[in-house]
Amino acid sequence: MAFAEDAKNGATLVTIQGAHTIDFTIALLGPWSELAALTTIQYPEVQVGAPPTTQARSVPDHLLVQARGGSDTSVSIEVTGGRPAKAVPFRLEVTGELGDLVVEGGAVRGFQSGRLTLSLFGEPQPLEEGELALMPAEAANVAAMYAALRNDISSGTAIAPDFQHAVHLAKLMDDVLASAQTGTRKKTQDWPV
């Protein structure tokens, strides 16, 4: 994963795990109208290679985002790297007038790299995985995207995220990084819905 320590590669904790987490949150709660972000380096040295060598970290391993959604809902996201293995890799809490929803799980590489659990009002909820139930946890979510794409092609629908969605998400991530670098709040500029 040494490539993720070089911002020029475009694949960092912020651009991969951060983007997936933000996209997931928007899919669940709706589009944002504005955001403010902060990135930091919490662990300034990282072990890379075999045998491991120490190198200075040059990209953020921590992202905080505060956003405002429709109807003045507030969203707070924290994405971190380098946490102890015993930490829960992913936890999303939604608290509203109708109750509490909690999504947990994932893997060290992000929530998209493992299975998730769902609780409603503190009670675990069964999840029907269908044809993906026997897939390894690391592949289940990617396989679900391929299944959604297959279903779109065979039925003529457009449910799976497409290239245009990726463009909108890339613009949003540019604004997240710009907000973190300048300390300014960013308003909607063609973000994903």
N, C-alpha and C. Protein backbone atom coordinates (compact mmCIF):
# COMPACT_ATOMS: atom_id res chain seq x y z
N MET A 1 0.81 -1.21 0.00
CA MET A 1 0.00 0.00 0.00
C MET A 1 0.85 1.27 0.00
N ALA A 2 2.15 1.15 -0.26
CA ALA A 2 3.01 2.33 -0.28
C ALA A 2 2.54 3.36 -1.30
N PHE A 3 1.91 2.90 -2.40
CA PHE A 3 1.41 3.84 -3.42
C PHE A 3 0.41 4.82 -2.84
N ALA A 4 -0.31 4.42 -1.79
CA ALA A 4 -1.32 5.29 -1.17
C ALA A 4 -0.70 6.38 -0.32
N GLU A 5 0.62 6.37 -0.18
CA GLU A 5 1.32 7.40 0.58
C GLU A 5 1.85 8.51 -0.32
N ASP A 6 1.51 8.48 -1.59
CA ASP A 6 1.97 9.49 -2.54
C ASP A 6 0.75 10.15 -3.18
N ALA A 7 0.49 11.41 -2.87
CA ALA A 7 -0.69 12.11 -3.37
C ALA A 7 -0.74 12.15 -4.90
N LYS A 8 0.41 12.10 -5.56
CA LYS A 8 0.44 12.15 -7.03
C LYS A 8 -0.26 10.95 -7.65
N ASN A 9 -0.35 9.84 -6.92
CA ASN A 9 -1.02 8.64 -7.44
C ASN A 9 -2.54 8.78 -7.41
N GLY A 10 -3.05 9.71 -6.63
CA GLY A 10 -4.49 9.93 -6.55
C GLY A 10 -5.23 8.94 -5.66
N ALA A 11 -4.56 7.93 -5.16
CA ALA A 11 -5.20 6.91 -4.33
C ALA A 11 -4.68 7.05 -2.91
N THR A 12 -5.40 7.78 -2.08
CA THR A 12 -5.02 8.00 -0.68
C THR A 12 -6.19 7.64 0.21
N LEU A 13 -5.98 7.70 1.51
CA LEU A 13 -7.08 7.46 2.45
C LEU A 13 -8.24 8.42 2.17
N VAL A 14 -7.92 9.68 1.92
CA VAL A 14 -8.97 10.68 1.69
C VAL A 14 -9.71 10.41 0.38
N THR A 15 -8.97 10.14 -0.70
CA THR A 15 -9.62 10.00 -2.01
C THR A 15 -10.31 8.66 -2.20
N ILE A 16 -9.90 7.62 -1.47
CA ILE A 16 -10.54 6.31 -1.62
C ILE A 16 -11.55 6.07 -0.49
N GLN A 17 -11.06 5.83 0.73
CA GLN A 17 -11.99 5.58 1.85
C GLN A 17 -12.88 6.79 2.11
N GLY A 18 -12.30 7.99 2.03
CA GLY A 18 -13.10 9.19 2.24
C GLY A 18 -14.20 9.33 1.20
N ALA A 19 -13.85 9.14 -0.07
CA ALA A 19 -14.84 9.28 -1.15
C ALA A 19 -15.93 8.22 -1.03
N HIS A 20 -15.55 6.96 -0.74
CA HIS A 20 -16.56 5.91 -0.59
C HIS A 20 -17.51 6.22 0.57
N THR A 21 -16.95 6.70 1.68
CA THR A 21 -17.76 7.01 2.86
C THR A 21 -18.71 8.17 2.57
N ILE A 22 -18.20 9.21 1.94
CA ILE A 22 -19.05 10.36 1.60
C ILE A 22 -20.14 9.95 0.63
N ASP A 23 -19.80 9.19 -0.39
CA ASP A 23 -20.78 8.74 -1.38
C ASP A 23 -21.87 7.89 -0.73
N PHE A 24 -21.47 6.99 0.17
CA PHE A 24 -22.42 6.14 0.89
C PHE A 24 -23.37 6.99 1.74
N THR A 25 -22.82 7.97 2.42
CA THR A 25 -23.63 8.84 3.26
C THR A 25 -24.64 9.62 2.43
N ILE A 26 -24.22 10.14 1.29
CA ILE A 26 -25.13 10.87 0.41
C ILE A 26 -26.21 9.94 -0.13
N ALA A 27 -25.84 8.70 -0.48
CA ALA A 27 -26.83 7.74 -0.97
C ALA A 27 -27.90 7.46 0.09
N LEU A 28 -27.51 7.43 1.36
CA LEU A 28 -28.46 7.15 2.44
C LEU A 28 -29.27 8.37 2.84
N LEU A 29 -28.62 9.54 2.92
CA LEU A 29 -29.26 10.71 3.53
C LEU A 29 -29.63 11.81 2.56
N GLY A 30 -29.16 11.71 1.32
CA GLY A 30 -29.47 12.74 0.33
C GLY A 30 -28.32 13.69 0.10
N PRO A 31 -28.45 14.54 -0.93
CA PRO A 31 -27.35 15.42 -1.33
C PRO A 31 -27.06 16.50 -0.30
N TRP A 32 -25.83 17.04 -0.42
CA TRP A 32 -25.38 18.10 0.46
C TRP A 32 -25.50 19.44 -0.23
N SER A 33 -25.63 20.49 0.58
CA SER A 33 -25.64 21.84 0.03
C SER A 33 -24.32 22.57 0.33
N GLU A 34 -23.61 22.17 1.39
CA GLU A 34 -22.33 22.79 1.72
C GLU A 34 -21.54 21.88 2.63
N LEU A 35 -20.22 22.15 2.72
CA LEU A 35 -19.35 21.33 3.56
C LEU A 35 -18.16 22.14 4.04
N ALA A 36 -17.55 21.65 5.11
CA ALA A 36 -16.26 22.14 5.60
C ALA A 36 -15.45 20.90 5.96
N ALA A 37 -14.16 20.90 5.61
CA ALA A 37 -13.33 19.71 5.84
C ALA A 37 -12.01 20.08 6.49
N LEU A 38 -11.43 19.11 7.17
CA LEU A 38 -10.13 19.23 7.81
C LEU A 38 -9.39 17.92 7.60
N THR A 39 -8.16 17.98 7.13
CA THR A 39 -7.32 16.80 7.01
C THR A 39 -6.10 16.98 7.90
N THR A 40 -5.62 15.88 8.49
CA THR A 40 -4.44 15.94 9.34
C THR A 40 -3.62 14.67 9.13
N ILE A 41 -2.37 14.75 9.54
CA ILE A 41 -1.50 13.57 9.60
C ILE A 41 -1.34 13.24 11.07
N GLN A 42 -1.97 12.15 11.51
CA GLN A 42 -1.89 11.75 12.91
C GLN A 42 -0.70 10.84 13.19
N TYR A 43 -0.32 10.07 12.19
CA TYR A 43 0.81 9.16 12.32
C TYR A 43 1.85 9.58 11.28
N PRO A 44 2.85 10.38 11.65
CA PRO A 44 3.78 10.97 10.68
C PRO A 44 4.77 9.99 10.05
N GLU A 45 4.87 8.78 10.59
CA GLU A 45 5.75 7.78 10.00
C GLU A 45 4.95 6.51 9.73
N VAL A 46 5.32 5.83 8.64
CA VAL A 46 4.61 4.62 8.24
C VAL A 46 5.63 3.55 7.84
N GLN A 47 5.32 2.31 8.13
CA GLN A 47 6.16 1.18 7.73
C GLN A 47 5.69 0.69 6.36
N VAL A 48 6.61 0.59 5.40
CA VAL A 48 6.27 0.11 4.07
C VAL A 48 7.30 -0.92 3.61
N GLY A 49 6.87 -1.78 2.69
CA GLY A 49 7.78 -2.72 2.06
C GLY A 49 8.07 -3.96 2.87
N ALA A 50 8.84 -4.86 2.26
CA ALA A 50 9.27 -6.08 2.92
C ALA A 50 10.74 -6.29 2.59
N PRO A 51 11.63 -6.27 3.54
CA PRO A 51 11.35 -6.01 4.95
C PRO A 51 10.90 -4.56 5.16
N PRO A 52 10.11 -4.33 6.21
CA PRO A 52 9.56 -2.99 6.44
C PRO A 52 10.64 -1.94 6.68
N THR A 53 10.42 -0.80 6.06
CA THR A 53 11.27 0.37 6.30
C THR A 53 10.37 1.53 6.70
N THR A 54 10.90 2.46 7.44
CA THR A 54 10.12 3.61 7.89
C THR A 54 10.26 4.74 6.88
N GLN A 55 9.12 5.35 6.54
CA GLN A 55 9.16 6.52 5.68
C GLN A 55 8.21 7.56 6.25
N ALA A 56 8.49 8.81 5.96
CA ALA A 56 7.63 9.90 6.42
C ALA A 56 6.33 9.88 5.63
N ARG A 57 5.24 10.07 6.32
CA ARG A 57 3.93 10.14 5.66
C ARG A 57 3.76 11.55 5.12
N SER A 58 3.34 11.66 3.87
CA SER A 58 3.16 12.98 3.25
C SER A 58 1.71 13.27 2.89
N VAL A 59 0.83 12.31 3.11
CA VAL A 59 -0.59 12.52 2.82
C VAL A 59 -1.39 12.35 4.10
N PRO A 60 -2.53 13.01 4.22
CA PRO A 60 -3.34 12.90 5.44
C PRO A 60 -3.81 11.47 5.71
N ASP A 61 -3.81 11.11 6.98
CA ASP A 61 -4.37 9.83 7.39
C ASP A 61 -5.62 10.04 8.25
N HIS A 62 -6.16 11.26 8.19
CA HIS A 62 -7.36 11.60 8.97
C HIS A 62 -8.15 12.67 8.22
N LEU A 63 -9.45 12.45 8.12
CA LEU A 63 -10.35 13.38 7.43
C LEU A 63 -11.57 13.63 8.30
N LEU A 64 -11.89 14.90 8.52
CA LEU A 64 -13.15 15.29 9.17
C LEU A 64 -13.94 16.13 8.18
N VAL A 65 -15.22 15.82 8.04
CA VAL A 65 -16.09 16.60 7.15
C VAL A 65 -17.37 16.91 7.91
N GLN A 66 -17.78 18.16 7.89
CA GLN A 66 -19.10 18.56 8.36
C GLN A 66 -19.85 19.07 7.15
N ALA A 67 -21.08 18.60 7.00
CA ALA A 67 -21.86 18.99 5.83
C ALA A 67 -23.29 19.28 6.24
N ARG A 68 -23.96 20.02 5.36
CA ARG A 68 -25.37 20.32 5.54
C ARG A 68 -26.12 19.70 4.37
N GLY A 69 -27.13 18.93 4.71
CA GLY A 69 -27.95 18.29 3.69
C GLY A 69 -29.27 19.01 3.56
N GLY A 70 -30.18 18.38 2.82
CA GLY A 70 -31.51 18.95 2.65
C GLY A 70 -32.23 19.09 3.97
N SER A 71 -33.17 20.00 4.04
CA SER A 71 -33.95 20.26 5.25
C SER A 71 -33.06 20.56 6.45
N ASP A 72 -31.87 21.16 6.20
CA ASP A 72 -30.93 21.53 7.24
C ASP A 72 -30.48 20.36 8.12
N THR A 73 -30.40 19.16 7.53
CA THR A 73 -29.81 18.06 8.28
C THR A 73 -28.30 18.28 8.36
N SER A 74 -27.72 17.81 9.45
CA SER A 74 -26.27 17.94 9.59
C SER A 74 -25.63 16.57 9.49
N VAL A 75 -24.45 16.55 8.88
CA VAL A 75 -23.71 15.31 8.69
C VAL A 75 -22.30 15.55 9.21
N SER A 76 -21.77 14.58 9.96
CA SER A 76 -20.40 14.65 10.44
C SER A 76 -19.74 13.32 10.10
N ILE A 77 -18.61 13.40 9.38
CA ILE A 77 -17.89 12.20 8.94
C ILE A 77 -16.45 12.28 9.42
N GLU A 78 -15.96 11.17 9.97
CA GLU A 78 -14.56 11.04 10.33
C GLU A 78 -14.03 9.77 9.69
N VAL A 79 -12.96 9.91 8.91
CA VAL A 79 -12.30 8.77 8.27
C VAL A 79 -10.86 8.78 8.76
N THR A 80 -10.42 7.66 9.36
CA THR A 80 -9.08 7.62 9.93
C THR A 80 -8.31 6.41 9.44
N GLY A 81 -7.00 6.52 9.42
CA GLY A 81 -6.13 5.40 9.11
C GLY A 81 -5.18 5.16 10.26
N GLY A 82 -4.57 3.99 10.29
CA GLY A 82 -3.57 3.69 11.31
C GLY A 82 -4.14 3.39 12.68
N ARG A 83 -5.42 3.08 12.74
CA ARG A 83 -6.02 2.75 14.04
C ARG A 83 -5.64 1.34 14.46
N PRO A 84 -5.69 1.06 15.77
CA PRO A 84 -5.39 -0.30 16.23
C PRO A 84 -6.36 -1.31 15.59
N ALA A 85 -5.87 -2.53 15.40
CA ALA A 85 -6.66 -3.56 14.73
C ALA A 85 -7.98 -3.85 15.45
N LYS A 86 -8.05 -3.64 16.75
CA LYS A 86 -9.28 -3.95 17.49
C LYS A 86 -10.39 -2.92 17.28
N ALA A 87 -10.08 -1.78 16.70
CA ALA A 87 -11.08 -0.74 16.47
C ALA A 87 -12.07 -1.19 15.40
N VAL A 88 -13.34 -0.80 15.54
CA VAL A 88 -14.35 -1.08 14.53
C VAL A 88 -13.99 -0.27 13.29
N PRO A 89 -13.78 -0.93 12.14
CA PRO A 89 -13.34 -0.18 10.96
C PRO A 89 -14.33 0.87 10.48
N PHE A 90 -15.63 0.61 10.63
CA PHE A 90 -16.63 1.53 10.10
C PHE A 90 -17.84 1.54 11.02
N ARG A 91 -18.33 2.74 11.30
CA ARG A 91 -19.57 2.89 12.07
C ARG A 91 -20.28 4.13 11.56
N LEU A 92 -21.52 3.94 11.14
CA LEU A 92 -22.36 5.05 10.68
C LEU A 92 -23.60 5.08 11.57
N GLU A 93 -23.85 6.21 12.17
CA GLU A 93 -25.03 6.38 13.02
C GLU A 93 -25.92 7.45 12.40
N VAL A 94 -27.20 7.13 12.27
CA VAL A 94 -28.19 8.09 11.81
C VAL A 94 -29.23 8.20 12.91
N THR A 95 -29.38 9.39 13.46
CA THR A 95 -30.36 9.63 14.52
C THR A 95 -31.38 10.62 14.00
N GLY A 96 -32.63 10.24 14.09
CA GLY A 96 -33.69 11.10 13.60
C GLY A 96 -34.94 10.97 14.43
N GLU A 97 -35.99 11.64 13.99
CA GLU A 97 -37.26 11.64 14.71
C GLU A 97 -37.86 10.25 14.85
N LEU A 98 -37.58 9.37 13.88
CA LEU A 98 -38.18 8.04 13.88
C LEU A 98 -37.31 6.97 14.53
N GLY A 99 -36.12 7.34 15.01
CA GLY A 99 -35.28 6.36 15.68
C GLY A 99 -33.83 6.44 15.27
N ASP A 100 -33.10 5.40 15.64
CA ASP A 100 -31.66 5.33 15.40
C ASP A 100 -31.34 4.16 14.48
N LEU A 101 -30.47 4.43 13.52
CA LEU A 101 -29.99 3.42 12.59
C LEU A 101 -28.47 3.37 12.72
N VAL A 102 -27.91 2.17 12.83
CA VAL A 102 -26.46 2.01 12.94
C VAL A 102 -26.01 0.97 11.91
N VAL A 103 -25.00 1.35 11.11
CA VAL A 103 -24.36 0.44 10.17
C VAL A 103 -22.92 0.29 10.63
N GLU A 104 -22.46 -0.97 10.79
CA GLU A 104 -21.10 -1.22 11.26
C GLU A 104 -20.46 -2.32 10.43
N GLY A 105 -19.12 -2.36 10.49
CA GLY A 105 -18.39 -3.45 9.86
C GLY A 105 -17.29 -2.96 8.97
N GLY A 106 -17.20 -3.59 7.81
CA GLY A 106 -16.16 -3.22 6.88
C GLY A 106 -14.84 -3.87 7.21
N ALA A 107 -13.77 -3.24 6.75
CA ALA A 107 -12.42 -3.76 6.95
C ALA A 107 -11.46 -2.59 7.07
N VAL A 108 -10.23 -2.89 7.37
CA VAL A 108 -9.22 -1.84 7.53
C VAL A 108 -9.14 -0.97 6.28
N ARG A 109 -9.35 -1.55 5.10
CA ARG A 109 -9.26 -0.81 3.84
C ARG A 109 -10.52 0.01 3.56
N GLY A 110 -11.48 0.02 4.45
CA GLY A 110 -12.70 0.80 4.28
C GLY A 110 -13.93 -0.07 4.39
N PHE A 111 -15.06 0.57 4.58
CA PHE A 111 -16.30 -0.19 4.76
C PHE A 111 -16.65 -0.98 3.50
N GLN A 112 -16.22 -0.50 2.33
CA GLN A 112 -16.53 -1.17 1.09
C GLN A 112 -15.77 -2.48 0.92
N SER A 113 -14.86 -2.79 1.84
CA SER A 113 -14.02 -3.99 1.74
C SER A 113 -14.45 -5.10 2.68
N GLY A 114 -15.64 -5.03 3.22
CA GLY A 114 -16.10 -6.07 4.13
C GLY A 114 -17.60 -6.03 4.29
N ARG A 115 -18.12 -6.99 5.00
CA ARG A 115 -19.56 -7.07 5.23
C ARG A 115 -19.97 -6.06 6.30
N LEU A 116 -21.21 -5.62 6.17
CA LEU A 116 -21.77 -4.64 7.10
C LEU A 116 -22.93 -5.25 7.85
N THR A 117 -23.18 -4.74 9.06
CA THR A 117 -24.35 -5.13 9.84
C THR A 117 -25.23 -3.90 10.01
N LEU A 118 -26.51 -4.12 10.21
CA LEU A 118 -27.48 -3.04 10.35
C LEU A 118 -28.27 -3.25 11.63
N SER A 119 -28.39 -2.18 12.42
CA SER A 119 -29.23 -2.21 13.62
C SER A 119 -30.22 -1.07 13.55
N LEU A 120 -31.43 -1.34 13.95
CA LEU A 120 -32.49 -0.34 13.99
C LEU A 120 -33.06 -0.35 15.40
N PHE A 121 -33.09 0.81 16.06
CA PHE A 121 -33.53 0.93 17.44
C PHE A 121 -32.71 0.02 18.37
N GLY A 122 -31.42 -0.20 18.03
CA GLY A 122 -30.54 -1.03 18.84
C GLY A 122 -30.68 -2.52 18.59
N GLU A 123 -31.57 -2.93 17.70
CA GLU A 123 -31.79 -4.34 17.40
C GLU A 123 -31.16 -4.71 16.07
N PRO A 124 -30.32 -5.76 16.03
CA PRO A 124 -29.73 -6.19 14.75
C PRO A 124 -30.83 -6.57 13.75
N GLN A 125 -30.62 -6.19 12.49
CA GLN A 125 -31.59 -6.47 11.44
C GLN A 125 -31.01 -7.50 10.46
N PRO A 126 -31.83 -8.46 10.03
CA PRO A 126 -31.33 -9.43 9.05
C PRO A 126 -31.12 -8.76 7.70
N LEU A 127 -30.06 -9.15 7.02
CA LEU A 127 -29.77 -8.63 5.70
C LEU A 127 -29.80 -9.80 4.72
N GLU A 128 -30.58 -9.68 3.68
CA GLU A 128 -30.66 -10.71 2.65
C GLU A 128 -29.61 -10.42 1.59
N GLU A 129 -28.58 -11.26 1.51
CA GLU A 129 -27.51 -11.05 0.55
C GLU A 129 -27.72 -11.78 -0.76
N GLY A 130 -28.71 -12.66 -0.82
CA GLY A 130 -29.01 -13.35 -2.06
C GLY A 130 -27.81 -14.08 -2.64
N GLU A 131 -27.57 -13.86 -3.93
CA GLU A 131 -26.49 -14.55 -4.65
C GLU A 131 -25.10 -14.20 -4.11
N LEU A 132 -24.98 -13.14 -3.30
CA LEU A 132 -23.67 -12.72 -2.79
C LEU A 132 -23.33 -13.33 -1.42
N ALA A 133 -24.25 -14.09 -0.86
CA ALA A 133 -24.07 -14.61 0.50
C ALA A 133 -22.81 -15.45 0.67
N LEU A 134 -22.41 -16.18 -0.36
CA LEU A 134 -21.24 -17.06 -0.24
C LEU A 134 -19.94 -16.40 -0.69
N MET A 135 -20.01 -15.15 -1.12
CA MET A 135 -18.80 -14.44 -1.56
C MET A 135 -17.94 -14.12 -0.34
N PRO A 136 -16.60 -14.12 -0.51
CA PRO A 136 -15.75 -13.67 0.59
C PRO A 136 -16.08 -12.22 0.95
N ALA A 137 -15.94 -11.87 2.21
CA ALA A 137 -16.29 -10.53 2.67
C ALA A 137 -15.58 -9.45 1.86
N GLU A 138 -14.31 -9.70 1.49
CA GLU A 138 -13.52 -8.70 0.77
C GLU A 138 -14.10 -8.41 -0.62
N ALA A 139 -14.87 -9.33 -1.18
CA ALA A 139 -15.37 -9.19 -2.55
C ALA A 139 -16.86 -8.88 -2.63
N ALA A 140 -17.58 -9.01 -1.54
CA ALA A 140 -19.05 -8.94 -1.58
C ALA A 140 -19.57 -7.61 -2.11
N ASN A 141 -19.04 -6.50 -1.64
CA ASN A 141 -19.57 -5.21 -2.08
C ASN A 141 -19.22 -4.89 -3.52
N VAL A 142 -18.01 -5.26 -3.97
CA VAL A 142 -17.64 -5.06 -5.37
C VAL A 142 -18.51 -5.96 -6.24
N ALA A 143 -18.73 -7.20 -5.80
CA ALA A 143 -19.59 -8.11 -6.55
C ALA A 143 -21.01 -7.56 -6.65
N ALA A 144 -21.48 -6.89 -5.60
CA ALA A 144 -22.82 -6.29 -5.64
C ALA A 144 -22.90 -5.19 -6.71
N MET A 145 -21.82 -4.43 -6.88
CA MET A 145 -21.80 -3.40 -7.93
C MET A 145 -21.85 -4.03 -9.32
N TYR A 146 -21.08 -5.12 -9.50
CA TYR A 146 -21.12 -5.81 -10.79
C TYR A 146 -22.49 -6.41 -11.05
N ALA A 147 -23.13 -6.94 -9.99
CA ALA A 147 -24.47 -7.50 -10.14
C ALA A 147 -25.46 -6.39 -10.51
N ALA A 148 -25.34 -5.23 -9.90
CA ALA A 148 -26.22 -4.10 -10.23
C ALA A 148 -26.01 -3.66 -11.67
N LEU A 149 -24.76 -3.62 -12.13
CA LEU A 149 -24.45 -3.27 -13.52
C LEU A 149 -25.05 -4.31 -14.47
N ARG A 150 -24.87 -5.58 -14.14
CA ARG A 150 -25.46 -6.66 -14.95
C ARG A 150 -26.98 -6.49 -15.05
N ASN A 151 -27.60 -6.21 -13.92
CA ASN A 151 -29.06 -6.04 -13.90
C ASN A 151 -29.48 -4.84 -14.74
N ASP A 152 -28.72 -3.74 -14.67
CA ASP A 152 -29.03 -2.56 -15.49
C ASP A 152 -28.95 -2.90 -16.98
N ILE A 153 -27.91 -3.61 -17.36
CA ILE A 153 -27.73 -3.96 -18.77
C ILE A 153 -28.84 -4.88 -19.25
N SER A 154 -29.18 -5.89 -18.45
CA SER A 154 -30.18 -6.86 -18.89
C SER A 154 -31.61 -6.32 -18.83
N SER A 155 -31.88 -5.35 -17.94
CA SER A 155 -33.25 -4.85 -17.80
C SER A 155 -33.45 -3.43 -18.35
N GLY A 156 -32.36 -2.80 -18.81
CA GLY A 156 -32.48 -1.46 -19.36
C GLY A 156 -32.69 -0.38 -18.32
N THR A 157 -32.32 -0.65 -17.07
CA THR A 157 -32.45 0.34 -16.00
C THR A 157 -31.13 1.09 -15.82
N ALA A 158 -31.11 2.03 -14.90
CA ALA A 158 -29.89 2.80 -14.60
C ALA A 158 -29.77 2.99 -13.09
N ILE A 159 -29.63 1.89 -12.36
CA ILE A 159 -29.55 1.92 -10.90
C ILE A 159 -28.10 2.04 -10.42
N ALA A 160 -27.19 1.31 -11.05
CA ALA A 160 -25.78 1.31 -10.63
C ALA A 160 -25.16 2.68 -10.91
N PRO A 161 -24.25 3.12 -10.04
CA PRO A 161 -23.56 4.39 -10.30
C PRO A 161 -22.84 4.32 -11.65
N ASP A 162 -22.88 5.42 -12.39
CA ASP A 162 -22.27 5.45 -13.71
C ASP A 162 -21.09 6.43 -13.74
N PHE A 163 -20.53 6.62 -14.93
CA PHE A 163 -19.37 7.49 -15.08
C PHE A 163 -19.69 8.92 -14.65
N GLN A 164 -20.89 9.39 -14.99
CA GLN A 164 -21.28 10.75 -14.61
C GLN A 164 -21.31 10.90 -13.09
N HIS A 165 -21.76 9.86 -12.40
CA HIS A 165 -21.76 9.89 -10.94
C HIS A 165 -20.33 10.00 -10.42
N ALA A 166 -19.42 9.26 -11.05
CA ALA A 166 -18.00 9.33 -10.64
C ALA A 166 -17.44 10.73 -10.86
N VAL A 167 -17.82 11.39 -11.95
CA VAL A 167 -17.36 12.75 -12.22
C VAL A 167 -17.86 13.70 -11.13
N HIS A 168 -19.14 13.58 -10.78
CA HIS A 168 -19.70 14.43 -9.72
C HIS A 168 -19.00 14.18 -8.38
N LEU A 169 -18.72 12.90 -8.08
CA LEU A 169 -18.03 12.58 -6.82
C LEU A 169 -16.61 13.12 -6.84
N ALA A 170 -15.93 13.06 -7.98
CA ALA A 170 -14.57 13.61 -8.07
C ALA A 170 -14.58 15.12 -7.83
N LYS A 171 -15.60 15.82 -8.35
CA LYS A 171 -15.72 17.27 -8.10
C LYS A 171 -15.96 17.54 -6.63
N LEU A 172 -16.78 16.72 -6.00
CA LEU A 172 -17.03 16.87 -4.56
C LEU A 172 -15.74 16.65 -3.77
N MET A 173 -14.97 15.63 -4.13
CA MET A 173 -13.71 15.36 -3.41
C MET A 173 -12.70 16.48 -3.64
N ASP A 174 -12.70 17.08 -4.82
CA ASP A 174 -11.85 18.26 -5.04
C ASP A 174 -12.24 19.37 -4.08
N ASP A 175 -13.55 19.56 -3.87
CA ASP A 175 -14.01 20.59 -2.94
C ASP A 175 -13.69 20.23 -1.49
N VAL A 176 -13.76 18.94 -1.14
CA VAL A 176 -13.37 18.51 0.20
C VAL A 176 -11.90 18.86 0.46
N LEU A 177 -11.04 18.51 -0.49
CA LEU A 177 -9.61 18.81 -0.33
C LEU A 177 -9.33 20.31 -0.33
N ALA A 178 -10.04 21.05 -1.17
CA ALA A 178 -9.86 22.51 -1.20
C ALA A 178 -10.30 23.13 0.12
N SER A 179 -11.40 22.65 0.68
CA SER A 179 -11.86 23.16 1.97
C SER A 179 -10.83 22.89 3.05
N ALA A 180 -10.26 21.69 3.05
CA ALA A 180 -9.25 21.35 4.05
C ALA A 180 -7.99 22.21 3.88
N GLN A 181 -7.61 22.49 2.65
CA GLN A 181 -6.39 23.26 2.40
C GLN A 181 -6.56 24.75 2.70
N THR A 182 -7.76 25.28 2.45
CA THR A 182 -7.97 26.72 2.60
C THR A 182 -8.70 27.11 3.87
N GLY A 183 -9.33 26.13 4.52
CA GLY A 183 -10.11 26.43 5.71
C GLY A 183 -11.41 27.14 5.41
N THR A 184 -11.91 26.98 4.19
CA THR A 184 -13.16 27.63 3.80
C THR A 184 -14.28 26.62 3.61
N ARG A 185 -15.48 27.11 3.77
CA ARG A 185 -16.67 26.29 3.53
C ARG A 185 -16.94 26.28 2.04
N LYS A 186 -17.34 25.12 1.51
CA LYS A 186 -17.65 24.98 0.08
C LYS A 186 -19.14 24.75 -0.10
N LYS A 187 -19.70 25.39 -1.12
CA LYS A 187 -21.13 25.23 -1.45
C LYS A 187 -21.27 24.26 -2.62
N THR A 188 -22.47 23.76 -2.80
CA THR A 188 -22.77 22.81 -3.88
C THR A 188 -22.24 23.29 -5.23
N GLN A 189 -21.48 22.41 -5.87
CA GLN A 189 -20.98 22.68 -7.22
C GLN A 189 -21.05 21.38 -8.01
N ASP A 190 -22.24 21.02 -8.46
CA ASP A 190 -22.41 19.84 -9.31
C ASP A 190 -21.99 18.56 -8.56
N TRP A 191 -22.37 18.45 -7.28
CA TRP A 191 -22.04 17.27 -6.50
C TRP A 191 -23.03 16.15 -6.78
N PRO A 192 -22.71 14.91 -6.35
CA PRO A 192 -23.63 13.79 -6.59
C PRO A 192 -24.91 13.94 -5.79
N VAL A 193 -25.97 13.37 -6.32
CA VAL A 193 -27.26 13.35 -5.64
C VAL A 193 -27.68 11.92 -5.41
